[in-house]
Amino acid sequence: MHILLGMLIGFVAAIPLGPVNIFIISQAIKHGFFRGFLGGVTTAVMDIIYCLVAFFGVFHLTVNLAKYMPMMKIVGALILIAISLRLIQHSKSVQEARPPQKLGVSPRPIFGVLALYVSNPTLYAFWLAVAGTVTAHKWVHNSGWQPIVFAIACGLGSTLWYFVLTRYFSRHKDKLQPQTFRKIFLGLSVVLIGFALYTLGTLIF
């Protein structure tokens, strides 16, 4: 029961279009399936870690979100703006039917996802809410092996989503024309800038 529930929560939670999804999509389009999926797997691992930490209540003892949230929002907004500017640069440099492939393994997807994930304070709150909900309804016990199994199941669910996402964009990018790539990159960059402005706006209003 808690395994299926965890996979469902992990899968559904990963679907909404947000900064992490946009970054992973851009990696899949620019560099292929492996680079995009590497970012997805990194996200899934972070989901597992955050879920476990939420279950065992470490944040209640070690992290004062209200104190550090403004700084986290500023850092997160700057990261979003930097990635959006990078996407705009890519949109101007597209010359062929598909961007050139970069061979070899690069840690860029891992670092990019880590920066986006750690600087997003809403993810802390989300996993605390998930842990609180499933334990309140007694779907998952907050001790023993169940939280660990549940957290891993959440990670597997999000991994499944990112596999589907990166597989789709990496397989269909060959059919896209250069102007389509430009529109995609510009559209993604606009969405990221929107997220950044919204994040900064929450500091004022």
N, C-alpha and C. Protein backbone atom coordinates (compact mmCIF):
# COMPACT_ATOMS: atom_id res chain seq x y z
N MET A 1 0.83 -1.20 0.00
CA MET A 1 0.00 0.00 0.00
C MET A 1 0.87 1.26 0.00
N HIS A 2 1.78 1.38 0.98
CA HIS A 2 2.59 2.60 1.07
C HIS A 2 3.59 2.70 -0.08
N ILE A 3 3.96 1.56 -0.70
CA ILE A 3 4.86 1.61 -1.85
C ILE A 3 4.16 2.23 -3.05
N LEU A 4 2.94 1.76 -3.35
CA LEU A 4 2.17 2.30 -4.46
C LEU A 4 1.82 3.77 -4.20
N LEU A 5 1.49 4.09 -2.96
CA LEU A 5 1.17 5.47 -2.61
C LEU A 5 2.38 6.37 -2.82
N GLY A 6 3.55 5.91 -2.41
CA GLY A 6 4.77 6.70 -2.58
C GLY A 6 5.09 6.92 -4.05
N MET A 7 4.96 5.88 -4.88
CA MET A 7 5.24 6.03 -6.31
C MET A 7 4.26 6.99 -6.95
N LEU A 8 2.99 6.93 -6.53
CA LEU A 8 1.99 7.83 -7.08
C LEU A 8 2.29 9.28 -6.70
N ILE A 9 2.62 9.51 -5.43
CA ILE A 9 2.93 10.87 -4.98
C ILE A 9 4.17 11.40 -5.69
N GLY A 10 5.22 10.57 -5.80
CA GLY A 10 6.44 11.00 -6.47
C GLY A 10 6.21 11.32 -7.93
N PHE A 11 5.40 10.51 -8.61
CA PHE A 11 5.12 10.72 -10.03
C PHE A 11 4.32 12.00 -10.24
N VAL A 12 3.23 12.15 -9.48
CA VAL A 12 2.35 13.30 -9.65
C VAL A 12 3.05 14.59 -9.24
N ALA A 13 3.84 14.54 -8.16
CA ALA A 13 4.52 15.75 -7.68
C ALA A 13 5.55 16.26 -8.69
N ALA A 14 6.08 15.37 -9.52
CA ALA A 14 7.11 15.76 -10.49
C ALA A 14 6.52 16.35 -11.76
N ILE A 15 5.21 16.19 -11.98
CA ILE A 15 4.61 16.59 -13.25
C ILE A 15 4.51 18.10 -13.46
N PRO A 16 4.09 18.90 -12.48
CA PRO A 16 3.87 20.33 -12.75
C PRO A 16 5.10 21.01 -13.35
N LEU A 17 4.84 21.91 -14.31
CA LEU A 17 5.92 22.62 -14.98
C LEU A 17 6.53 23.63 -14.02
N GLY A 18 7.76 23.38 -13.62
CA GLY A 18 8.48 24.25 -12.72
C GLY A 18 9.92 24.40 -13.18
N PRO A 19 10.74 25.13 -12.43
CA PRO A 19 12.13 25.35 -12.84
C PRO A 19 12.93 24.07 -13.08
N VAL A 20 12.74 23.06 -12.23
CA VAL A 20 13.50 21.81 -12.39
C VAL A 20 13.09 21.12 -13.69
N ASN A 21 11.79 21.02 -13.95
CA ASN A 21 11.32 20.39 -15.18
C ASN A 21 11.82 21.14 -16.40
N ILE A 22 11.79 22.46 -16.36
CA ILE A 22 12.26 23.27 -17.49
C ILE A 22 13.74 23.04 -17.74
N PHE A 23 14.53 22.99 -16.68
CA PHE A 23 15.96 22.75 -16.82
C PHE A 23 16.22 21.37 -17.43
N ILE A 24 15.49 20.35 -16.96
CA ILE A 24 15.67 18.99 -17.46
C ILE A 24 15.25 18.90 -18.93
N ILE A 25 14.14 19.56 -19.30
CA ILE A 25 13.71 19.57 -20.69
C ILE A 25 14.78 20.20 -21.58
N SER A 26 15.35 21.31 -21.13
CA SER A 26 16.37 21.98 -21.92
C SER A 26 17.61 21.11 -22.09
N GLN A 27 17.97 20.37 -21.06
CA GLN A 27 19.11 19.46 -21.16
C GLN A 27 18.84 18.32 -22.14
N ALA A 28 17.61 17.79 -22.11
CA ALA A 28 17.25 16.71 -23.02
C ALA A 28 17.25 17.18 -24.47
N ILE A 29 16.78 18.41 -24.71
CA ILE A 29 16.73 18.94 -26.07
C ILE A 29 18.13 19.27 -26.58
N LYS A 30 18.94 19.87 -25.73
CA LYS A 30 20.27 20.32 -26.17
C LYS A 30 21.27 19.18 -26.26
N HIS A 31 21.21 18.25 -25.31
CA HIS A 31 22.29 17.27 -25.19
C HIS A 31 21.83 15.82 -25.25
N GLY A 32 20.54 15.57 -25.36
CA GLY A 32 20.08 14.20 -25.50
C GLY A 32 19.53 13.60 -24.21
N PHE A 33 19.07 12.36 -24.35
CA PHE A 33 18.36 11.68 -23.27
C PHE A 33 19.20 11.55 -22.00
N PHE A 34 20.45 11.14 -22.13
CA PHE A 34 21.24 10.83 -20.94
C PHE A 34 21.41 12.04 -20.05
N ARG A 35 21.73 13.21 -20.65
CA ARG A 35 21.95 14.40 -19.83
C ARG A 35 20.65 14.83 -19.15
N GLY A 36 19.53 14.74 -19.87
CA GLY A 36 18.26 15.10 -19.26
C GLY A 36 17.87 14.15 -18.15
N PHE A 37 18.03 12.85 -18.41
CA PHE A 37 17.64 11.85 -17.42
C PHE A 37 18.55 11.90 -16.21
N LEU A 38 19.81 12.27 -16.40
CA LEU A 38 20.73 12.42 -15.26
C LEU A 38 20.22 13.50 -14.32
N GLY A 39 19.70 14.59 -14.88
CA GLY A 39 19.09 15.61 -14.04
C GLY A 39 17.85 15.09 -13.34
N GLY A 40 17.06 14.26 -14.04
CA GLY A 40 15.87 13.67 -13.43
C GLY A 40 16.21 12.73 -12.28
N VAL A 41 17.22 11.92 -12.46
CA VAL A 41 17.64 11.01 -11.40
C VAL A 41 18.15 11.80 -10.19
N THR A 42 18.87 12.89 -10.45
CA THR A 42 19.34 13.74 -9.35
C THR A 42 18.16 14.30 -8.57
N THR A 43 17.12 14.72 -9.29
CA THR A 43 15.92 15.22 -8.62
C THR A 43 15.26 14.14 -7.78
N ALA A 44 15.19 12.92 -8.31
CA ALA A 44 14.59 11.81 -7.58
C ALA A 44 15.37 11.51 -6.30
N VAL A 45 16.68 11.56 -6.37
CA VAL A 45 17.51 11.32 -5.18
C VAL A 45 17.24 12.41 -4.14
N MET A 46 17.12 13.65 -4.59
CA MET A 46 16.82 14.73 -3.66
C MET A 46 15.43 14.57 -3.05
N ASP A 47 14.49 14.08 -3.84
CA ASP A 47 13.15 13.81 -3.31
C ASP A 47 13.22 12.79 -2.17
N ILE A 48 14.00 11.74 -2.38
CA ILE A 48 14.15 10.71 -1.35
C ILE A 48 14.76 11.29 -0.09
N ILE A 49 15.82 12.08 -0.24
CA ILE A 49 16.49 12.66 0.91
C ILE A 49 15.56 13.60 1.68
N TYR A 50 14.87 14.49 0.96
CA TYR A 50 13.99 15.45 1.61
C TYR A 50 12.83 14.74 2.31
N CYS A 51 12.31 13.70 1.66
CA CYS A 51 11.21 12.95 2.26
C CYS A 51 11.64 12.28 3.56
N LEU A 52 12.81 11.68 3.55
CA LEU A 52 13.33 11.03 4.76
C LEU A 52 13.57 12.05 5.87
N VAL A 53 14.17 13.18 5.51
CA VAL A 53 14.44 14.21 6.50
C VAL A 53 13.13 14.73 7.10
N ALA A 54 12.10 14.88 6.25
CA ALA A 54 10.81 15.34 6.74
C ALA A 54 10.20 14.33 7.71
N PHE A 55 10.31 13.05 7.41
CA PHE A 55 9.76 12.02 8.28
C PHE A 55 10.43 12.01 9.65
N PHE A 56 11.73 12.14 9.65
CA PHE A 56 12.45 12.05 10.91
C PHE A 56 12.59 13.40 11.62
N GLY A 57 11.99 14.44 11.03
CA GLY A 57 11.85 15.72 11.71
C GLY A 57 13.13 16.48 11.93
N VAL A 58 14.14 16.25 11.09
CA VAL A 58 15.42 16.94 11.31
C VAL A 58 15.26 18.44 11.10
N PHE A 59 14.41 18.85 10.12
CA PHE A 59 14.27 20.28 9.85
C PHE A 59 13.68 21.02 11.04
N HIS A 60 12.84 20.33 11.81
CA HIS A 60 12.25 20.99 12.97
C HIS A 60 13.33 21.41 13.98
N LEU A 61 14.44 20.67 13.97
CA LEU A 61 15.47 20.90 14.97
C LEU A 61 16.62 21.76 14.44
N THR A 62 16.90 21.67 13.14
CA THR A 62 18.13 22.29 12.64
C THR A 62 17.91 23.45 11.68
N VAL A 63 16.73 23.60 11.13
CA VAL A 63 16.54 24.63 10.11
C VAL A 63 15.40 25.55 10.49
N ASN A 64 15.69 26.85 10.53
CA ASN A 64 14.66 27.84 10.75
C ASN A 64 14.31 28.45 9.39
N LEU A 65 13.25 27.92 8.76
CA LEU A 65 12.91 28.34 7.40
C LEU A 65 12.57 29.82 7.34
N ALA A 66 11.90 30.34 8.34
CA ALA A 66 11.52 31.75 8.33
C ALA A 66 12.75 32.64 8.32
N LYS A 67 13.81 32.21 8.96
CA LYS A 67 15.03 33.01 9.04
C LYS A 67 15.78 33.02 7.72
N TYR A 68 15.89 31.86 7.08
CA TYR A 68 16.71 31.73 5.88
C TYR A 68 15.93 31.85 4.58
N MET A 69 14.61 31.89 4.65
CA MET A 69 13.81 31.90 3.43
C MET A 69 14.08 33.09 2.52
N PRO A 70 14.20 34.34 3.03
CA PRO A 70 14.50 35.46 2.12
C PRO A 70 15.79 35.25 1.33
N MET A 71 16.84 34.82 2.01
CA MET A 71 18.11 34.60 1.32
C MET A 71 17.98 33.48 0.29
N MET A 72 17.25 32.40 0.65
CA MET A 72 17.05 31.30 -0.28
C MET A 72 16.28 31.75 -1.51
N LYS A 73 15.29 32.61 -1.32
CA LYS A 73 14.51 33.11 -2.45
C LYS A 73 15.36 33.95 -3.39
N ILE A 74 16.22 34.79 -2.81
CA ILE A 74 17.09 35.63 -3.64
C ILE A 74 18.05 34.77 -4.45
N VAL A 75 18.68 33.81 -3.78
CA VAL A 75 19.61 32.91 -4.48
C VAL A 75 18.88 32.12 -5.55
N GLY A 76 17.70 31.61 -5.22
CA GLY A 76 16.92 30.85 -6.19
C GLY A 76 16.56 31.68 -7.40
N ALA A 77 16.14 32.94 -7.17
CA ALA A 77 15.78 33.81 -8.29
C ALA A 77 16.98 34.10 -9.19
N LEU A 78 18.14 34.31 -8.60
CA LEU A 78 19.35 34.55 -9.38
C LEU A 78 19.73 33.34 -10.22
N ILE A 79 19.56 32.14 -9.65
CA ILE A 79 19.85 30.92 -10.40
C ILE A 79 18.89 30.78 -11.58
N LEU A 80 17.61 31.07 -11.36
CA LEU A 80 16.62 30.99 -12.43
C LEU A 80 16.95 31.99 -13.54
N ILE A 81 17.33 33.19 -13.18
CA ILE A 81 17.67 34.20 -14.18
C ILE A 81 18.91 33.77 -14.97
N ALA A 82 19.90 33.20 -14.29
CA ALA A 82 21.11 32.75 -14.97
C ALA A 82 20.80 31.65 -15.98
N ILE A 83 19.95 30.70 -15.59
CA ILE A 83 19.59 29.62 -16.51
C ILE A 83 18.77 30.16 -17.68
N SER A 84 17.88 31.11 -17.41
CA SER A 84 17.06 31.68 -18.48
C SER A 84 17.92 32.43 -19.49
N LEU A 85 18.92 33.16 -19.01
CA LEU A 85 19.84 33.87 -19.91
C LEU A 85 20.63 32.88 -20.76
N ARG A 86 20.98 31.76 -20.17
CA ARG A 86 21.69 30.71 -20.91
C ARG A 86 20.80 30.14 -22.02
N LEU A 87 19.52 29.95 -21.72
CA LEU A 87 18.59 29.46 -22.72
C LEU A 87 18.41 30.46 -23.86
N ILE A 88 18.35 31.75 -23.52
CA ILE A 88 18.25 32.79 -24.55
C ILE A 88 19.47 32.77 -25.46
N GLN A 89 20.64 32.56 -24.86
CA GLN A 89 21.86 32.47 -25.65
C GLN A 89 21.81 31.29 -26.60
N HIS A 90 21.29 30.15 -26.10
CA HIS A 90 21.16 28.97 -26.97
C HIS A 90 20.16 29.23 -28.09
N SER A 91 19.10 29.96 -27.81
CA SER A 91 18.10 30.23 -28.84
C SER A 91 18.68 31.04 -29.99
N LYS A 92 19.66 31.89 -29.71
CA LYS A 92 20.28 32.71 -30.74
C LYS A 92 21.32 31.96 -31.55
N SER A 93 21.85 30.86 -30.98
CA SER A 93 22.95 30.16 -31.63
C SER A 93 22.51 28.90 -32.36
N VAL A 94 21.20 28.61 -32.41
CA VAL A 94 20.73 27.42 -33.11
C VAL A 94 20.91 27.63 -34.60
N GLN A 95 21.65 26.75 -35.25
CA GLN A 95 21.92 26.87 -36.67
C GLN A 95 21.40 25.68 -37.48
N GLU A 96 21.27 24.53 -36.82
CA GLU A 96 20.89 23.33 -37.55
C GLU A 96 19.53 22.86 -37.08
N ALA A 97 19.10 21.74 -37.64
CA ALA A 97 17.80 21.19 -37.28
C ALA A 97 17.79 20.71 -35.85
N ARG A 98 18.95 20.47 -35.29
CA ARG A 98 19.04 20.12 -33.88
C ARG A 98 20.37 20.62 -33.34
N PRO A 99 20.44 20.94 -32.07
CA PRO A 99 21.69 21.43 -31.50
C PRO A 99 22.75 20.35 -31.54
N PRO A 100 24.03 20.73 -31.64
CA PRO A 100 25.09 19.73 -31.64
C PRO A 100 25.16 18.98 -30.33
N GLN A 101 25.43 17.69 -30.43
CA GLN A 101 25.53 16.84 -29.24
C GLN A 101 26.91 16.99 -28.61
N LYS A 102 26.96 17.08 -27.31
CA LYS A 102 28.22 17.11 -26.59
C LYS A 102 28.49 15.72 -26.05
N LEU A 103 29.59 15.16 -26.48
CA LEU A 103 29.92 13.81 -26.07
C LEU A 103 30.54 13.82 -24.67
N GLY A 104 30.43 12.67 -24.01
CA GLY A 104 31.01 12.52 -22.69
C GLY A 104 30.03 12.85 -21.58
N VAL A 105 30.45 12.48 -20.39
CA VAL A 105 29.60 12.70 -19.22
C VAL A 105 29.91 14.06 -18.63
N SER A 106 28.86 14.82 -18.34
CA SER A 106 29.04 16.15 -17.75
C SER A 106 28.26 16.21 -16.44
N PRO A 107 28.85 16.82 -15.41
CA PRO A 107 28.15 16.96 -14.14
C PRO A 107 27.18 18.14 -14.12
N ARG A 108 27.08 18.88 -15.24
CA ARG A 108 26.26 20.09 -15.27
C ARG A 108 24.80 19.82 -14.88
N PRO A 109 24.15 18.75 -15.40
CA PRO A 109 22.76 18.50 -14.98
C PRO A 109 22.63 18.28 -13.49
N ILE A 110 23.61 17.62 -12.89
CA ILE A 110 23.56 17.35 -11.45
C ILE A 110 23.66 18.65 -10.67
N PHE A 111 24.65 19.48 -11.02
CA PHE A 111 24.85 20.74 -10.30
C PHE A 111 23.66 21.68 -10.52
N GLY A 112 23.14 21.69 -11.74
CA GLY A 112 22.01 22.56 -12.02
C GLY A 112 20.78 22.21 -11.20
N VAL A 113 20.48 20.91 -11.15
CA VAL A 113 19.32 20.46 -10.36
C VAL A 113 19.54 20.70 -8.88
N LEU A 114 20.73 20.43 -8.38
CA LEU A 114 21.02 20.66 -6.96
C LEU A 114 20.83 22.13 -6.60
N ALA A 115 21.32 23.03 -7.45
CA ALA A 115 21.18 24.46 -7.18
C ALA A 115 19.71 24.87 -7.15
N LEU A 116 18.94 24.37 -8.12
CA LEU A 116 17.52 24.71 -8.18
C LEU A 116 16.76 24.12 -7.00
N TYR A 117 17.09 22.90 -6.66
CA TYR A 117 16.35 22.19 -5.60
C TYR A 117 16.63 22.79 -4.23
N VAL A 118 17.89 22.96 -3.90
CA VAL A 118 18.26 23.43 -2.57
C VAL A 118 17.80 24.87 -2.34
N SER A 119 17.76 25.68 -3.41
CA SER A 119 17.40 27.09 -3.24
C SER A 119 15.89 27.32 -3.30
N ASN A 120 15.10 26.25 -3.42
CA ASN A 120 13.64 26.40 -3.49
C ASN A 120 13.02 26.05 -2.14
N PRO A 121 12.64 27.03 -1.35
CA PRO A 121 12.11 26.75 0.00
C PRO A 121 10.77 26.02 -0.01
N THR A 122 10.02 26.11 -1.12
CA THR A 122 8.72 25.44 -1.15
C THR A 122 8.86 23.92 -1.13
N LEU A 123 10.00 23.40 -1.59
CA LEU A 123 10.20 21.96 -1.60
C LEU A 123 10.36 21.41 -0.18
N TYR A 124 10.97 22.20 0.71
CA TYR A 124 11.06 21.80 2.11
C TYR A 124 9.64 21.64 2.67
N ALA A 125 8.83 22.66 2.43
CA ALA A 125 7.47 22.66 2.96
C ALA A 125 6.65 21.53 2.34
N PHE A 126 6.85 21.27 1.05
CA PHE A 126 6.07 20.22 0.38
C PHE A 126 6.29 18.86 1.02
N TRP A 127 7.55 18.49 1.23
CA TRP A 127 7.82 17.15 1.78
C TRP A 127 7.44 17.05 3.25
N LEU A 128 7.52 18.16 3.97
CA LEU A 128 7.00 18.16 5.34
C LEU A 128 5.49 17.93 5.34
N ALA A 129 4.80 18.53 4.37
CA ALA A 129 3.35 18.35 4.26
C ALA A 129 3.01 16.91 3.89
N VAL A 130 3.78 16.33 2.97
CA VAL A 130 3.55 14.94 2.57
C VAL A 130 3.74 14.00 3.76
N ALA A 131 4.85 14.18 4.47
CA ALA A 131 5.12 13.32 5.62
C ALA A 131 4.04 13.48 6.69
N GLY A 132 3.62 14.72 6.93
CA GLY A 132 2.60 14.95 7.93
C GLY A 132 1.26 14.35 7.54
N THR A 133 0.92 14.42 6.25
CA THR A 133 -0.37 13.90 5.79
C THR A 133 -0.44 12.38 5.87
N VAL A 134 0.58 11.71 5.33
CA VAL A 134 0.53 10.25 5.29
C VAL A 134 0.64 9.64 6.68
N THR A 135 1.34 10.30 7.59
CA THR A 135 1.42 9.78 8.96
C THR A 135 0.15 10.09 9.74
N ALA A 136 -0.46 11.25 9.47
CA ALA A 136 -1.70 11.60 10.16
C ALA A 136 -2.83 10.63 9.82
N HIS A 137 -2.84 10.19 8.57
CA HIS A 137 -3.87 9.23 8.15
C HIS A 137 -3.44 7.79 8.40
N LYS A 138 -2.26 7.62 8.98
CA LYS A 138 -1.72 6.30 9.31
C LYS A 138 -1.52 5.42 8.08
N TRP A 139 -1.28 6.08 6.93
CA TRP A 139 -0.93 5.31 5.75
C TRP A 139 0.52 4.84 5.82
N VAL A 140 1.35 5.62 6.51
CA VAL A 140 2.76 5.28 6.69
C VAL A 140 3.12 5.59 8.14
N HIS A 141 3.76 4.66 8.81
CA HIS A 141 4.23 4.90 10.17
C HIS A 141 5.49 5.75 10.12
N ASN A 142 5.68 6.58 11.13
CA ASN A 142 6.85 7.47 11.14
C ASN A 142 8.06 6.85 11.83
N SER A 143 8.07 5.55 11.94
CA SER A 143 9.22 4.84 12.52
C SER A 143 9.39 3.52 11.80
N GLY A 144 10.54 2.92 12.00
CA GLY A 144 10.81 1.64 11.36
C GLY A 144 11.22 1.81 9.91
N TRP A 145 10.93 0.76 9.09
CA TRP A 145 11.34 0.75 7.70
C TRP A 145 10.35 1.43 6.77
N GLN A 146 9.12 1.64 7.21
CA GLN A 146 8.11 2.18 6.31
C GLN A 146 8.47 3.55 5.74
N PRO A 147 8.94 4.51 6.54
CA PRO A 147 9.33 5.80 5.95
C PRO A 147 10.41 5.67 4.89
N ILE A 148 11.37 4.77 5.11
CA ILE A 148 12.45 4.58 4.15
C ILE A 148 11.92 4.01 2.85
N VAL A 149 11.08 2.99 2.96
CA VAL A 149 10.50 2.37 1.77
C VAL A 149 9.61 3.37 1.04
N PHE A 150 8.83 4.14 1.80
CA PHE A 150 7.95 5.14 1.20
C PHE A 150 8.75 6.20 0.46
N ALA A 151 9.83 6.69 1.07
CA ALA A 151 10.67 7.72 0.43
C ALA A 151 11.29 7.19 -0.86
N ILE A 152 11.79 5.96 -0.83
CA ILE A 152 12.37 5.36 -2.03
C ILE A 152 11.31 5.21 -3.12
N ALA A 153 10.10 4.83 -2.72
CA ALA A 153 9.00 4.71 -3.67
C ALA A 153 8.68 6.06 -4.31
N CYS A 154 8.72 7.13 -3.52
CA CYS A 154 8.51 8.48 -4.07
C CYS A 154 9.58 8.80 -5.11
N GLY A 155 10.83 8.43 -4.80
CA GLY A 155 11.91 8.65 -5.75
C GLY A 155 11.73 7.85 -7.03
N LEU A 156 11.24 6.62 -6.91
CA LEU A 156 11.00 5.80 -8.09
C LEU A 156 9.88 6.39 -8.95
N GLY A 157 8.87 6.93 -8.29
CA GLY A 157 7.78 7.56 -9.02
C GLY A 157 8.24 8.76 -9.82
N SER A 158 9.05 9.61 -9.19
CA SER A 158 9.56 10.78 -9.91
C SER A 158 10.55 10.38 -11.00
N THR A 159 11.33 9.32 -10.76
CA THR A 159 12.23 8.81 -11.79
C THR A 159 11.46 8.36 -13.02
N LEU A 160 10.34 7.69 -12.80
CA LEU A 160 9.50 7.26 -13.92
C LEU A 160 9.01 8.44 -14.74
N TRP A 161 8.59 9.52 -14.06
CA TRP A 161 8.13 10.70 -14.79
C TRP A 161 9.26 11.31 -15.62
N TYR A 162 10.44 11.44 -15.02
CA TYR A 162 11.54 12.07 -15.75
C TYR A 162 12.04 11.19 -16.88
N PHE A 163 11.90 9.89 -16.75
CA PHE A 163 12.23 8.99 -17.87
C PHE A 163 11.30 9.28 -19.04
N VAL A 164 10.00 9.35 -18.76
CA VAL A 164 9.02 9.63 -19.82
C VAL A 164 9.27 11.01 -20.43
N LEU A 165 9.53 12.00 -19.57
CA LEU A 165 9.73 13.37 -20.04
C LEU A 165 10.95 13.49 -20.95
N THR A 166 12.09 13.00 -20.48
CA THR A 166 13.32 13.13 -21.25
C THR A 166 13.31 12.25 -22.49
N ARG A 167 12.66 11.09 -22.39
CA ARG A 167 12.54 10.20 -23.54
C ARG A 167 11.75 10.88 -24.66
N TYR A 168 10.68 11.55 -24.28
CA TYR A 168 9.83 12.20 -25.28
C TYR A 168 10.59 13.32 -26.00
N PHE A 169 11.20 14.22 -25.23
CA PHE A 169 11.85 15.38 -25.84
C PHE A 169 13.12 14.99 -26.59
N SER A 170 13.85 14.00 -26.10
CA SER A 170 15.06 13.58 -26.82
C SER A 170 14.74 12.84 -28.10
N ARG A 171 13.61 12.12 -28.15
CA ARG A 171 13.24 11.37 -29.35
C ARG A 171 12.63 12.25 -30.43
N HIS A 172 11.95 13.31 -30.03
CA HIS A 172 11.24 14.13 -31.01
C HIS A 172 12.00 15.38 -31.42
N LYS A 173 13.15 15.62 -30.84
CA LYS A 173 13.86 16.86 -31.17
C LYS A 173 14.38 16.85 -32.60
N ASP A 174 14.65 15.65 -33.17
CA ASP A 174 15.15 15.58 -34.54
C ASP A 174 14.12 16.07 -35.56
N LYS A 175 12.85 16.07 -35.18
CA LYS A 175 11.79 16.49 -36.09
C LYS A 175 11.57 18.00 -36.07
N LEU A 176 12.24 18.67 -35.16
CA LEU A 176 12.01 20.10 -34.98
C LEU A 176 12.93 20.93 -35.86
N GLN A 177 12.42 22.03 -36.37
CA GLN A 177 13.19 22.96 -37.18
C GLN A 177 13.91 23.96 -36.28
N PRO A 178 14.95 24.63 -36.81
CA PRO A 178 15.70 25.60 -35.98
C PRO A 178 14.82 26.66 -35.34
N GLN A 179 13.84 27.18 -36.10
CA GLN A 179 12.99 28.21 -35.52
C GLN A 179 12.13 27.66 -34.38
N THR A 180 11.81 26.36 -34.46
CA THR A 180 11.05 25.75 -33.37
C THR A 180 11.90 25.66 -32.11
N PHE A 181 13.17 25.31 -32.28
CA PHE A 181 14.09 25.28 -31.15
C PHE A 181 14.19 26.66 -30.50
N ARG A 182 14.28 27.68 -31.35
CA ARG A 182 14.39 29.04 -30.82
C ARG A 182 13.16 29.40 -29.98
N LYS A 183 11.99 29.05 -30.50
CA LYS A 183 10.75 29.34 -29.79
C LYS A 183 10.68 28.58 -28.47
N ILE A 184 11.11 27.31 -28.49
CA ILE A 184 11.08 26.50 -27.27
C ILE A 184 12.01 27.10 -26.21
N PHE A 185 13.26 27.40 -26.61
CA PHE A 185 14.22 27.95 -25.66
C PHE A 185 13.78 29.30 -25.13
N LEU A 186 13.24 30.15 -26.02
CA LEU A 186 12.76 31.46 -25.58
C LEU A 186 11.56 31.31 -24.66
N GLY A 187 10.66 30.38 -24.99
CA GLY A 187 9.50 30.15 -24.15
C GLY A 187 9.88 29.66 -22.77
N LEU A 188 10.82 28.71 -22.72
CA LEU A 188 11.29 28.20 -21.43
C LEU A 188 11.97 29.30 -20.62
N SER A 189 12.75 30.14 -21.30
CA SER A 189 13.44 31.21 -20.58
C SER A 189 12.45 32.22 -20.02
N VAL A 190 11.38 32.51 -20.77
CA VAL A 190 10.36 33.45 -20.28
C VAL A 190 9.68 32.89 -19.04
N VAL A 191 9.37 31.59 -19.07
CA VAL A 191 8.73 30.96 -17.91
C VAL A 191 9.65 31.03 -16.69
N LEU A 192 10.94 30.75 -16.89
CA LEU A 192 11.89 30.81 -15.77
C LEU A 192 12.01 32.23 -15.21
N ILE A 193 12.05 33.21 -16.10
CA ILE A 193 12.10 34.61 -15.63
C ILE A 193 10.84 34.93 -14.84
N GLY A 194 9.69 34.39 -15.29
CA GLY A 194 8.45 34.59 -14.56
C GLY A 194 8.52 34.01 -13.15
N PHE A 195 9.09 32.81 -13.04
CA PHE A 195 9.28 32.20 -11.72
C PHE A 195 10.19 33.05 -10.85
N ALA A 196 11.26 33.58 -11.45
CA ALA A 196 12.21 34.40 -10.70
C ALA A 196 11.55 35.68 -10.19
N LEU A 197 10.77 36.34 -11.06
CA LEU A 197 10.09 37.57 -10.65
C LEU A 197 9.05 37.30 -9.57
N TYR A 198 8.36 36.19 -9.72
CA TYR A 198 7.38 35.82 -8.69
C TYR A 198 8.07 35.57 -7.34
N THR A 199 9.20 34.87 -7.38
CA THR A 199 9.95 34.58 -6.17
C THR A 199 10.41 35.87 -5.49
N LEU A 200 10.94 36.80 -6.28
CA LEU A 200 11.37 38.08 -5.71
C LEU A 200 10.18 38.89 -5.23
N GLY A 201 9.06 38.77 -5.93
CA GLY A 201 7.86 39.51 -5.54
C GLY A 201 7.32 39.08 -4.19
N THR A 202 7.49 37.80 -3.85
CA THR A 202 7.01 37.33 -2.56
C THR A 202 7.82 37.91 -1.40
N LEU A 203 9.01 38.44 -1.69
CA LEU A 203 9.79 39.10 -0.64
C LEU A 203 9.22 40.47 -0.31
N ILE A 204 8.53 41.07 -1.28
CA ILE A 204 8.01 42.42 -1.10
C ILE A 204 6.56 42.41 -0.63
N PHE A 205 5.76 41.55 -1.30
CA PHE A 205 4.33 41.51 -0.98
C PHE A 205 4.06 40.31 -0.07
